Protein backbone atom coordinates (compact mmCIF):
# COMPACT_ATOMS: atom_id res chain seq x y z
CA MET A 1 -26.77 17.46 61.93
CA LEU A 2 -28.35 17.49 58.51
CA LEU A 3 -28.30 20.69 56.52
CA SER A 4 -31.51 21.98 55.10
CA ARG A 5 -31.99 22.04 51.34
CA ARG A 6 -31.60 25.79 51.28
CA GLN A 7 -28.26 25.61 53.10
CA ARG A 8 -26.99 22.88 50.78
CA TRP A 9 -28.10 24.89 47.74
CA ARG A 10 -26.37 28.00 49.09
CA ARG A 11 -23.15 26.07 49.78
CA TRP A 12 -23.21 24.50 46.30
CA ARG A 13 -23.95 27.84 44.63
CA ARG A 14 -21.14 29.66 46.45
CA SER A 15 -18.56 26.99 45.71
CA ARG A 16 -18.57 27.66 41.97
CA PRO A 17 -19.04 30.55 39.47
CA PHE A 18 -22.82 30.20 39.58
CA TRP A 19 -23.89 33.57 38.15
CA GLY A 20 -21.33 33.50 35.34
CA GLY A 21 -22.51 30.03 34.34
CA LEU A 22 -26.15 31.09 34.53
CA PHE A 23 -25.57 34.12 32.29
CA ALA A 24 -23.63 31.95 29.81
CA ILE A 25 -26.46 29.39 29.72
CA LEU A 26 -29.05 32.14 29.21
CA ALA A 27 -26.96 33.72 26.45
CA GLY A 28 -26.50 30.39 24.69
CA ALA A 29 -30.20 29.63 24.93
CA TRP A 30 -31.11 33.07 23.60
CA ILE A 31 -28.70 32.83 20.65
CA CYS A 32 -29.77 29.25 19.93
CA VAL A 33 -33.54 29.84 20.07
CA LEU A 34 -33.75 32.77 17.65
CA PRO A 35 -32.89 30.77 14.51
CA LEU A 36 -35.30 28.01 15.57
CA ALA A 37 -38.21 30.15 14.50
CA PRO A 38 -41.25 28.78 12.64
CA LEU A 39 -40.45 26.68 9.59
CA LYS A 40 -41.24 29.43 7.05
CA VAL A 41 -38.71 31.76 8.63
CA MET A 42 -36.15 28.99 9.04
CA LEU A 43 -36.39 28.01 5.37
CA GLN A 44 -35.72 31.60 4.37
CA GLN A 45 -32.67 31.70 6.62
CA GLY A 46 -31.18 28.53 5.16
CA VAL A 47 -27.76 27.32 6.24
CA ALA A 48 -27.00 30.62 7.99
CA GLY A 49 -28.85 29.41 11.10
CA ILE A 50 -26.46 26.52 11.75
CA PRO A 51 -23.65 28.66 13.29
CA SER A 52 -26.19 30.28 15.59
CA VAL A 53 -27.43 26.96 16.90
CA LEU A 54 -23.89 25.60 17.29
CA MET A 55 -22.64 28.71 19.12
CA GLY A 56 -25.63 28.61 21.42
CA ILE A 57 -25.09 24.95 22.26
CA VAL A 58 -21.38 25.53 22.95
CA MET A 59 -22.18 28.47 25.24
CA VAL A 60 -24.66 26.35 27.20
CA VAL A 61 -22.04 23.61 27.55
CA LEU A 62 -19.44 26.15 28.73
CA GLY A 63 -21.87 27.49 31.33
CA LEU A 64 -22.51 23.96 32.60
CA THR A 65 -18.75 23.33 32.62
CA ALA A 66 -18.25 26.31 34.91
CA TRP A 67 -20.92 24.92 37.25
CA PHE A 68 -19.78 21.32 37.41
CA SER A 69 -16.02 21.74 36.94
CA PRO A 70 -15.00 25.01 38.64
CA PRO A 71 -11.25 24.51 38.02
CA GLN A 72 -12.00 24.96 34.29
CA ARG A 73 -13.70 28.33 34.88
CA ALA A 74 -10.95 30.50 33.33
CA LEU A 75 -10.95 28.63 30.03
CA ALA A 76 -14.74 28.49 29.97
CA GLY A 77 -14.93 32.23 30.69
CA VAL A 78 -12.53 33.20 27.93
CA LEU A 79 -14.19 30.90 25.37
CA THR A 80 -17.65 32.14 26.33
CA THR A 81 -16.57 35.75 25.83
CA LEU A 82 -14.98 34.94 22.45
CA ILE A 83 -18.01 33.01 21.22
CA ALA A 84 -20.38 35.74 22.40
CA THR A 85 -18.33 38.30 20.51
CA ALA A 86 -18.27 36.11 17.39
CA ALA A 87 -22.03 35.68 17.66
CA LEU A 88 -22.39 39.41 17.19
CA VAL A 89 -21.23 38.96 13.59
CA LEU A 90 -22.37 35.41 12.82
CA SER A 91 -25.73 35.14 14.56
CA ASN A 92 -28.43 37.78 14.13
CA LEU A 93 -26.35 40.44 15.90
CA GLY A 94 -25.68 37.98 18.70
CA GLY A 95 -29.32 37.36 19.47
CA PHE A 96 -30.22 40.99 18.88
CA LEU A 97 -27.38 42.07 21.22
CA ILE A 98 -29.04 40.44 24.23
CA GLY A 99 -27.21 37.12 23.79
CA THR A 100 -23.87 38.83 23.19
CA LEU A 101 -24.17 41.07 26.23
CA LEU A 102 -25.25 38.17 28.46
CA GLY A 103 -22.39 36.03 27.11
CA ILE A 104 -19.75 38.70 27.69
CA LEU A 105 -21.07 39.32 31.20
CA GLY A 106 -21.17 35.59 31.98
CA GLY A 107 -17.70 34.98 30.57
CA GLY A 108 -16.27 37.82 32.60
CA LEU A 109 -17.93 36.59 35.78
CA MET A 110 -16.66 33.06 35.19
CA PHE A 111 -13.12 34.26 34.55
CA ALA A 112 -13.05 36.58 37.57
CA TRP A 113 -14.57 34.17 40.11
CA GLN A 114 -12.24 32.93 42.85
CA PRO A 115 -12.99 30.22 45.41
CA TYR A 116 -13.05 31.10 49.08
CA ALA A 117 -9.83 30.55 51.00
CA ALA A 118 -10.03 27.66 53.44
CA GLN A 119 -10.25 28.60 57.12
CA ARG A 120 -7.27 27.74 59.28
CA ALA A 121 -7.62 25.05 61.93
CA GLY A 122 -7.58 27.61 64.76
CA GLY A 123 -10.44 29.52 63.14
CA ALA A 124 -8.30 32.66 62.89
CA ALA A 125 -8.26 34.66 59.72
CA PRO A 126 -5.11 34.25 57.63
CA THR A 127 -2.53 36.94 58.36
CA ALA A 128 -0.02 38.48 56.02
CA ASP A 129 3.52 37.12 56.20
CA PRO A 130 6.13 39.57 57.46
CA ALA A 131 8.17 41.38 54.85
CA PRO A 132 11.06 39.33 53.50
CA PRO A 133 14.51 40.50 54.53
CA ARG A 134 16.22 42.90 52.16
CA ILE A 135 19.23 41.58 50.30
CA ALA A 136 21.92 44.09 49.51
CA SER A 137 22.54 44.40 45.80
CA PRO A 138 25.98 45.22 44.38
CA PRO A 139 26.54 48.87 43.46
CA PRO A 140 25.92 49.74 39.80
CA THR A 141 28.88 49.90 37.45
CA PRO A 142 29.56 53.51 36.37
CA HIS A 143 29.52 54.13 32.62
CA SER A 144 28.39 56.85 30.27
CA ASP A 145 25.50 55.04 28.53
CA PRO A 146 22.16 56.06 30.12
CA GLN A 147 20.51 52.83 28.85
CA GLY A 148 22.87 50.69 30.88
CA ALA A 149 24.59 48.88 28.01
CA GLN A 150 28.07 47.57 28.72
CA PRO A 151 30.90 48.57 26.32
């Protein structure tokens, strides 16, 4: 039975950190677009606009990495958060704070995302393992030092 497009989209979207990647892409686009203003404004800005464009491009790439390579989500999330924080200082207050806030939110969502656990063959939900048996530990050695240092 063929799945409808909507079901395939939903399955794809849920199998990766979709919202974290989307926020990272939006943050990168926002930070990258602000320095690409009309030519008169860009000439006044000079070389200072280059870090903004580079940080925006890297954030877009990190968002796409989270989408298309979910095992790399933790690294992409941490780097996105760091770049968004650096953009606050290096890039027009991080896209007038909007880009920084979107980047921090996206990086956090990417880092925190976990894939669903696979269902067991019987269809039953996974159960917790019983508590491991207790192993008797040797009695402590009596001495006068409260820190536990041996003489």
